[in-house]
Amino acid sequence: MDPLRQIAEIGGPVVLILLAVSVVTMATIIYKIWQFTSAGVGRHTALQRAVTAWDEGDRAEARAALGRSSSYLAPVIDMAFSSIPADAQRLAAEAETRFAKLESGFRLLDSVAQLAPLLGLFGTVLGMIEAFQALQDAGAQVDPSILAGGIWVALLTTAVGLAVAMPTALVLSWFEGRMDAERVTAERALAAVLHPRGARLAGHMADEAAPQGA
């Protein structure tokens, strides 16, 4: 804690604010990782088996595989299995509701990634003002170390702001990439359930057999 205390004393209130923001950001990231893990984000093996079985017309295997799924999308797919004819808009809304829960906190991380560098720059400007005021007060007895010391202290806030913003932006990008993949998975699964290939093949075979029977 001593290095952090020294940084806070040197950098002033702006660095203290950035350190507090970094703590909140870290807590949010840890919570989101736990939430993603608990919801089964990216773990859809059983769900995909259920959708594949349904697409091929094996209803019993589809429901059995869905029962083994721990994915947060399983209730949406179960609703699609049970509602015939299914309401595509309602199913999409149910999926979006679950996506919204997983995406909670993204706005905070985005704000931190954008505002932390600006806050650091604000601290740098304040520090530079103090450094030039000290240089002015020195009058004719100008000591270059006064200006140099003030400048590096002022730049410290910018460095802290960037150190908070860059990892946050990287983690947020990773989270958003995962959610984009989740949306693609949900769209493909719902499309397969609402328009199963087995039903299309059966209808096509019936159409081909109709002229022969006539």
C-alpha atoms as a PDB file:
ATOM      1  CA  MET A   1       0.000   0.000   0.000  1.00  0.00           C
ATOM      2  CA  ASP A   2       2.944   2.396   0.531  1.00  0.00           C
ATOM      3  CA  PRO A   3       3.645   2.843  -3.228  1.00  0.00           C
ATOM      4  CA  LEU A   4      -0.046   3.540  -3.832  1.00  0.00           C
ATOM      5  CA  ARG A   5      -0.115   6.015  -0.967  1.00  0.00           C
ATOM      6  CA  GLN A   6       2.934   7.775  -2.365  1.00  0.00           C
ATOM      7  CA  ILE A   7       1.403   7.964  -5.831  1.00  0.00           C
ATOM      8  CA  ALA A   8      -1.798   9.384  -4.359  1.00  0.00           C
ATOM      9  CA  GLU A   9       0.125  11.992  -2.358  1.00  0.00           C
ATOM     10  CA  ILE A  10       2.172  13.054  -5.365  1.00  0.00           C
ATOM     11  CA  GLY A  11      -0.612  12.974  -7.940  1.00  0.00           C
ATOM     12  CA  GLY A  12      -3.231  14.639  -5.793  1.00  0.00           C
ATOM     13  CA  PRO A  13      -7.030  14.231  -5.866  1.00  0.00           C
ATOM     14  CA  VAL A  14      -7.162  13.273  -9.552  1.00  0.00           C
ATOM     15  CA  VAL A  15      -5.002  10.214  -8.943  1.00  0.00           C
ATOM     16  CA  LEU A  16      -7.146   9.317  -5.934  1.00  0.00           C
ATOM     17  CA  ILE A  17     -10.250   9.472  -8.121  1.00  0.00           C
ATOM     18  CA  LEU A  18      -8.587   7.323 -10.787  1.00  0.00           C
ATOM     19  CA  LEU A  19      -7.534   4.752  -8.185  1.00  0.00           C
ATOM     20  CA  ALA A  20     -11.114   4.600  -6.875  1.00  0.00           C
ATOM     21  CA  VAL A  21     -12.395   4.197 -10.446  1.00  0.00           C
ATOM     22  CA  SER A  22      -9.906   1.392 -11.029  1.00  0.00           C
ATOM     23  CA  VAL A  23     -11.197  -0.460  -7.961  1.00  0.00           C
ATOM     24  CA  VAL A  24     -14.800  -0.170  -9.152  1.00  0.00           C
ATOM     25  CA  THR A  25     -13.761  -1.234 -12.652  1.00  0.00           C
ATOM     26  CA  MET A  26     -11.910  -4.285 -11.371  1.00  0.00           C
ATOM     27  CA  ALA A  27     -14.892  -5.297  -9.244  1.00  0.00           C
ATOM     28  CA  THR A  28     -17.179  -4.946 -12.267  1.00  0.00           C
ATOM     29  CA  ILE A  29     -14.894  -7.057 -14.442  1.00  0.00           C
ATOM     30  CA  ILE A  30     -14.667  -9.808 -11.815  1.00  0.00           C
ATOM     31  CA  TYR A  31     -18.454  -9.800 -11.454  1.00  0.00           C
ATOM     32  CA  LYS A  32     -18.959 -10.016 -15.216  1.00  0.00           C
ATOM     33  CA  ILE A  33     -16.560 -12.953 -15.490  1.00  0.00           C
ATOM     34  CA  TRP A  34     -18.454 -14.730 -12.702  1.00  0.00           C
ATOM     35  CA  GLN A  35     -21.783 -13.915 -14.382  1.00  0.00           C
ATOM     36  CA  PHE A  36     -20.605 -15.219 -17.754  1.00  0.00           C
ATOM     37  CA  THR A  37     -19.307 -18.402 -16.132  1.00  0.00           C
ATOM     38  CA  SER A  38     -22.525 -18.988 -14.158  1.00  0.00           C
ATOM     39  CA  ALA A  39     -24.716 -18.387 -17.211  1.00  0.00           C
ATOM     40  CA  GLY A  40     -22.718 -20.816 -19.319  1.00  0.00           C
ATOM     41  CA  VAL A  41     -21.671 -18.279 -21.924  1.00  0.00           C
ATOM     42  CA  GLY A  42     -19.862 -20.131 -24.691  1.00  0.00           C
ATOM     43  CA  ARG A  43     -20.866 -23.554 -23.347  1.00  0.00           C
ATOM     44  CA  HIS A  44     -23.690 -24.639 -25.636  1.00  0.00           C
ATOM     45  CA  THR A  45     -22.682 -28.185 -26.571  1.00  0.00           C
ATOM     46  CA  ALA A  46     -25.840 -29.836 -25.218  1.00  0.00           C
ATOM     47  CA  LEU A  47     -27.984 -26.998 -26.548  1.00  0.00           C
ATOM     48  CA  GLN A  48     -26.535 -27.374 -30.034  1.00  0.00           C
ATOM     49  CA  ARG A  49     -27.144 -31.124 -29.914  1.00  0.00           C
ATOM     50  CA  ALA A  50     -30.745 -30.452 -28.984  1.00  0.00           C
ATOM     51  CA  VAL A  51     -31.170 -28.008 -31.855  1.00  0.00           C
ATOM     52  CA  THR A  52     -29.502 -30.386 -34.303  1.00  0.00           C
ATOM     53  CA  ALA A  53     -31.781 -33.252 -33.227  1.00  0.00           C
ATOM     54  CA  TRP A  54     -34.836 -31.024 -33.561  1.00  0.00           C
ATOM     55  CA  ASP A  55     -33.674 -29.867 -36.972  1.00  0.00           C
ATOM     56  CA  GLU A  56     -33.401 -33.493 -38.061  1.00  0.00           C
ATOM     57  CA  GLY A  57     -36.857 -34.338 -36.717  1.00  0.00           C
ATOM     58  CA  ASP A  58     -35.819 -36.305 -33.601  1.00  0.00           C
ATOM     59  CA  ARG A  59     -38.040 -34.591 -31.021  1.00  0.00           C
ATOM     60  CA  ALA A  60     -37.345 -36.998 -28.167  1.00  0.00           C
ATOM     61  CA  GLU A  61     -33.565 -36.694 -28.461  1.00  0.00           C
ATOM     62  CA  ALA A  62     -33.900 -32.921 -28.790  1.00  0.00           C
ATOM     63  CA  ARG A  63     -35.772 -32.596 -25.490  1.00  0.00           C
ATOM     64  CA  ALA A  64     -33.425 -35.031 -23.747  1.00  0.00           C
ATOM     65  CA  ALA A  65     -30.361 -33.082 -24.888  1.00  0.00           C
ATOM     66  CA  LEU A  66     -31.969 -29.801 -23.907  1.00  0.00           C
ATOM     67  CA  GLY A  67     -32.575 -31.154 -20.409  1.00  0.00           C
ATOM     68  CA  ARG A  68     -28.817 -31.707 -20.034  1.00  0.00           C
ATOM     69  CA  SER A  69     -27.978 -28.151 -21.099  1.00  0.00           C
ATOM     70  CA  SER A  70     -26.855 -25.586 -18.518  1.00  0.00           C
ATOM     71  CA  SER A  71     -26.948 -22.731 -21.022  1.00  0.00           C
ATOM     72  CA  TYR A  72     -28.895 -19.585 -20.185  1.00  0.00           C
ATOM     73  CA  LEU A  73     -30.486 -19.929 -23.634  1.00  0.00           C
ATOM     74  CA  ALA A  74     -32.029 -23.302 -22.755  1.00  0.00           C
ATOM     75  CA  PRO A  75     -35.335 -21.754 -21.499  1.00  0.00           C
ATOM     76  CA  VAL A  76     -35.679 -19.832 -24.775  1.00  0.00           C
ATOM     77  CA  ILE A  77     -35.142 -22.968 -26.863  1.00  0.00           C
ATOM     78  CA  ASP A  78     -37.532 -24.908 -24.624  1.00  0.00           C
ATOM     79  CA  MET A  79     -40.133 -22.211 -25.223  1.00  0.00           C
ATOM     80  CA  ALA A  80     -39.531 -22.585 -28.953  1.00  0.00           C
ATOM     81  CA  PHE A  81     -39.966 -26.369 -28.677  1.00  0.00           C
ATOM     82  CA  SER A  82     -43.218 -26.010 -26.759  1.00  0.00           C
ATOM     83  CA  SER A  83     -44.894 -23.204 -28.734  1.00  0.00           C
ATOM     84  CA  ILE A  84     -46.252 -24.421 -32.042  1.00  0.00           C
ATOM     85  CA  PRO A  85     -46.703 -22.311 -34.059  1.00  0.00           C
ATOM     86  CA  ALA A  86     -43.902 -20.327 -32.427  1.00  0.00           C
ATOM     87  CA  ASP A  87     -43.864 -16.539 -32.186  1.00  0.00           C
ATOM     88  CA  ALA A  88     -40.469 -15.558 -33.582  1.00  0.00           C
ATOM     89  CA  GLN A  89     -40.658 -12.002 -32.245  1.00  0.00           C
ATOM     90  CA  ARG A  90     -41.430 -13.148 -28.718  1.00  0.00           C
ATOM     91  CA  LEU A  91     -38.600 -15.676 -28.771  1.00  0.00           C
ATOM     92  CA  ALA A  92     -36.197 -13.022 -30.035  1.00  0.00           C
ATOM     93  CA  ALA A  93     -37.363 -10.704 -27.254  1.00  0.00           C
ATOM     94  CA  GLU A  94     -36.786 -13.421 -24.645  1.00  0.00           C
ATOM     95  CA  ALA A  95     -33.259 -13.938 -25.943  1.00  0.00           C
ATOM     96  CA  GLU A  96     -32.574 -10.191 -25.928  1.00  0.00           C
ATOM     97  CA  THR A  97     -33.762  -9.972 -22.320  1.00  0.00           C
ATOM     98  CA  ARG A  98     -31.076 -12.479 -21.341  1.00  0.00           C
ATOM     99  CA  PHE A  99     -28.486 -10.675 -23.446  1.00  0.00           C
ATOM    100  CA  ALA A 100     -29.350  -7.404 -21.688  1.00  0.00           C
ATOM    101  CA  LYS A 101     -28.672  -8.980 -18.283  1.00  0.00           C
ATOM    102  CA  LEU A 102     -25.286 -10.220 -19.447  1.00  0.00           C
ATOM    103  CA  GLU A 103     -24.451  -6.849 -20.953  1.00  0.00           C
ATOM    104  CA  SER A 104     -25.237  -4.900 -17.789  1.00  0.00           C
ATOM    105  CA  GLY A 105     -22.118  -3.068 -16.703  1.00  0.00           C
ATOM    106  CA  PHE A 106     -20.812  -2.639 -20.247  1.00  0.00           C
ATOM    107  CA  ARG A 107     -21.839   1.022 -20.192  1.00  0.00           C
ATOM    108  CA  LEU A 108     -19.786   1.586 -17.044  1.00  0.00           C
ATOM    109  CA  LEU A 109     -16.705  -0.047 -18.566  1.00  0.00           C
ATOM    110  CA  ASP A 110     -17.130   1.971 -21.750  1.00  0.00           C
ATOM    111  CA  SER A 111     -17.400   5.197 -19.744  1.00  0.00           C
ATOM    112  CA  VAL A 112     -14.245   4.356 -17.800  1.00  0.00           C
ATOM    113  CA  ALA A 113     -12.324   3.565 -21.000  1.00  0.00           C
ATOM    114  CA  GLN A 114     -13.307   6.913 -22.502  1.00  0.00           C
ATOM    115  CA  LEU A 115     -13.179   9.212 -19.474  1.00  0.00           C
ATOM    116  CA  ALA A 116     -10.127   7.917 -17.585  1.00  0.00           C
ATOM    117  CA  PRO A 117      -7.616   9.369 -20.113  1.00  0.00           C
ATOM    118  CA  LEU A 118      -9.494  12.685 -20.096  1.00  0.00           C
ATOM    119  CA  LEU A 119      -9.473  12.753 -16.316  1.00  0.00           C
ATOM    120  CA  GLY A 120      -5.740  12.038 -16.349  1.00  0.00           C
ATOM    121  CA  LEU A 121      -5.212  14.844 -18.869  1.00  0.00           C
ATOM    122  CA  PHE A 122      -7.215  17.183 -16.651  1.00  0.00           C
ATOM    123  CA  GLY A 123      -4.897  16.361 -13.747  1.00  0.00           C
ATOM    124  CA  THR A 124      -1.905  17.009 -15.994  1.00  0.00           C
ATOM    125  CA  VAL A 125      -3.210  20.446 -16.936  1.00  0.00           C
ATOM    126  CA  LEU A 126      -3.741  21.315 -13.271  1.00  0.00           C
ATOM    127  CA  GLY A 127      -0.226  20.105 -12.455  1.00  0.00           C
ATOM    128  CA  MET A 128       1.304  22.134 -15.262  1.00  0.00           C
ATOM    129  CA  ILE A 129      -0.480  25.238 -13.999  1.00  0.00           C
ATOM    130  CA  GLU A 130       0.974  24.687 -10.526  1.00  0.00           C
ATOM    131  CA  ALA A 131       4.447  24.086 -12.004  1.00  0.00           C
ATOM    132  CA  PHE A 132       4.423  27.362 -13.947  1.00  0.00           C
ATOM    133  CA  GLN A 133       3.064  29.225 -10.948  1.00  0.00           C
ATOM    134  CA  ALA A 134       5.975  27.892  -8.876  1.00  0.00           C
ATOM    135  CA  LEU A 135       8.344  28.961 -11.659  1.00  0.00           C
ATOM    136  CA  GLN A 136       6.837  32.426 -11.671  1.00  0.00           C
ATOM    137  CA  ASP A 137       7.099  32.715  -7.888  1.00  0.00           C
ATOM    138  CA  ALA A 138      10.801  31.821  -8.098  1.00  0.00           C
ATOM    139  CA  GLY A 139      11.376  35.054  -9.998  1.00  0.00           C
ATOM    140  CA  ALA A 140      14.959  35.634 -11.127  1.00  0.00           C
ATOM    141  CA  GLN A 141      16.229  32.649  -9.164  1.00  0.00           C
ATOM    142  CA  VAL A 142      14.870  30.098 -11.637  1.00  0.00           C
ATOM    143  CA  ASP A 143      15.740  26.505 -10.848  1.00  0.00           C
ATOM    144  CA  PRO A 144      15.137  24.109 -13.764  1.00  0.00           C
ATOM    145  CA  SER A 145      14.500  21.314 -11.266  1.00  0.00           C
ATOM    146  CA  ILE A 146      11.383  23.144 -10.091  1.00  0.00           C
ATOM    147  CA  LEU A 147       9.859  23.023 -13.563  1.00  0.00           C
ATOM    148  CA  ALA A 148      11.085  19.496 -14.292  1.00  0.00           C
ATOM    149  CA  GLY A 149       9.745  18.164 -11.009  1.00  0.00           C
ATOM    150  CA  GLY A 150       6.374  19.809 -11.580  1.00  0.00           C
ATOM    151  CA  ILE A 151       6.124  18.442 -15.088  1.00  0.00           C
ATOM    152  CA  TRP A 152       6.764  14.798 -14.187  1.00  0.00           C
ATOM    153  CA  VAL A 153       4.323  15.024 -11.297  1.00  0.00           C
ATOM    154  CA  ALA A 154       1.733  16.485 -13.658  1.00  0.00           C
ATOM    155  CA  LEU A 155       2.300  13.767 -16.265  1.00  0.00           C
ATOM    156  CA  LEU A 156       1.780  11.127 -13.610  1.00  0.00           C
ATOM    157  CA  THR A 157      -1.983  11.651 -13.746  1.00  0.00           C
ATOM    158  CA  THR A 158      -2.016  11.047 -17.510  1.00  0.00           C
ATOM    159  CA  ALA A 159      -0.041   7.844 -17.029  1.00  0.00           C
ATOM    160  CA  VAL A 160      -2.465   6.639 -14.357  1.00  0.00           C
ATOM    161  CA  GLY A 161      -5.454   7.508 -16.539  1.00  0.00           C
ATOM    162  CA  LEU A 162      -4.050   5.528 -19.462  1.00  0.00           C
ATOM    163  CA  ALA A 163      -3.158   2.625 -17.171  1.00  0.00           C
ATOM    164  CA  VAL A 164      -6.807   2.463 -16.098  1.00  0.00           C
ATOM    165  CA  ALA A 165      -8.328   3.009 -19.554  1.00  0.00           C
ATOM    166  CA  MET A 166      -6.297   0.635 -21.732  1.00  0.00           C
ATOM    167  CA  PRO A 167      -6.969  -2.654 -19.855  1.00  0.00           C
ATOM    168  CA  THR A 168     -10.607  -1.635 -19.434  1.00  0.00           C
ATOM    169  CA  ALA A 169     -11.010  -1.070 -23.171  1.00  0.00           C
ATOM    170  CA  LEU A 170      -9.340  -4.405 -23.910  1.00  0.00           C
ATOM    171  CA  VAL A 171     -11.559  -6.344 -21.507  1.00  0.00           C
ATOM    172  CA  LEU A 172     -14.683  -4.573 -22.764  1.00  0.00           C
ATOM    173  CA  SER A 173     -13.795  -5.496 -26.340  1.00  0.00           C
ATOM    174  CA  TRP A 174     -13.436  -9.132 -25.279  1.00  0.00           C
ATOM    175  CA  PHE A 175     -16.811  -9.061 -23.504  1.00  0.00           C
ATOM    176  CA  GLU A 176     -18.522  -7.514 -26.523  1.00  0.00           C
ATOM    177  CA  GLY A 177     -16.945 -10.086 -28.827  1.00  0.00           C
ATOM    178  CA  ARG A 178     -18.323 -12.882 -26.675  1.00  0.00           C
ATOM    179  CA  MET A 179     -21.800 -11.362 -26.747  1.00  0.00           C
ATOM    180  CA  ASP A 180     -21.675 -10.985 -30.533  1.00  0.00           C
ATOM    181  CA  ALA A 181     -20.896 -14.697 -30.772  1.00  0.00           C
ATOM    182  CA  GLU A 182     -23.758 -15.450 -28.360  1.00  0.00           C
ATOM    183  CA  ARG A 183     -26.220 -13.555 -30.537  1.00  0.00           C
ATOM    184  CA  VAL A 184     -25.120 -15.494 -33.610  1.00  0.00           C
ATOM    185  CA  THR A 185     -25.571 -18.768 -31.708  1.00  0.00           C
ATOM    186  CA  ALA A 186     -29.055 -17.782 -30.562  1.00  0.00           C
ATOM    187  CA  GLU A 187     -30.144 -16.645 -34.021  1.00  0.00           C
ATOM    188  CA  ARG A 188     -28.954 -19.869 -35.652  1.00  0.00           C
ATOM    189  CA  ALA A 189     -30.589 -22.007 -32.969  1.00  0.00           C
ATOM    190  CA  LEU A 190     -33.946 -20.245 -33.202  1.00  0.00           C
ATOM    191  CA  ALA A 191     -33.868 -20.369 -37.000  1.00  0.00           C
ATOM    192  CA  ALA A 192     -33.248 -24.128 -36.912  1.00  0.00           C
ATOM    193  CA  VAL A 193     -36.039 -24.710 -34.384  1.00  0.00           C
ATOM    194  CA  LEU A 194     -38.603 -22.506 -36.115  1.00  0.00           C
ATOM    195  CA  HIS A 195     -37.790 -23.869 -39.577  1.00  0.00           C
ATOM    196  CA  PRO A 196     -36.520 -27.439 -39.061  1.00  0.00           C
ATOM    197  CA  ARG A 197     -34.839 -29.152 -41.949  1.00  0.00           C
ATOM    198  CA  GLY A 198     -36.703 -32.384 -41.267  1.00  0.00           C
ATOM    199  CA  ALA A 199     -40.061 -30.738 -41.836  1.00  0.00           C
ATOM    200  CA  ARG A 200     -38.830 -29.106 -45.034  1.00  0.00           C
ATOM    201  CA  LEU A 201     -37.521 -32.425 -46.358  1.00  0.00           C
ATOM    202  CA  ALA A 202     -40.782 -34.161 -45.526  1.00  0.00           C
ATOM    203  CA  GLY A 203     -42.771 -31.471 -47.309  1.00  0.00           C
ATOM    204  CA  HIS A 204     -40.482 -31.638 -50.327  1.00  0.00           C
ATOM    205  CA  MET A 205     -40.797 -35.426 -50.541  1.00  0.00           C
ATOM    206  CA  ALA A 206     -44.576 -35.132 -50.299  1.00  0.00           C
ATOM    207  CA  ASP A 207     -44.610 -32.642 -53.140  1.00  0.00           C
ATOM    208  CA  GLU A 208     -42.518 -34.966 -55.294  1.00  0.00           C
ATOM    209  CA  ALA A 209     -44.722 -37.960 -54.531  1.00  0.00           C
ATOM    210  CA  ALA A 210     -47.990 -36.141 -55.277  1.00  0.00           C
ATOM    211  CA  PRO A 211     -47.797 -36.258 -59.125  1.00  0.00           C
ATOM    212  CA  GLN A 212     -46.901 -39.947 -59.077  1.00  0.00           C
ATOM    213  CA  GLY A 213     -49.907 -40.760 -56.939  1.00  0.00           C
ATOM    214  CA  ALA A 214     -52.199 -38.734 -59.197  1.00  0.00           C
END
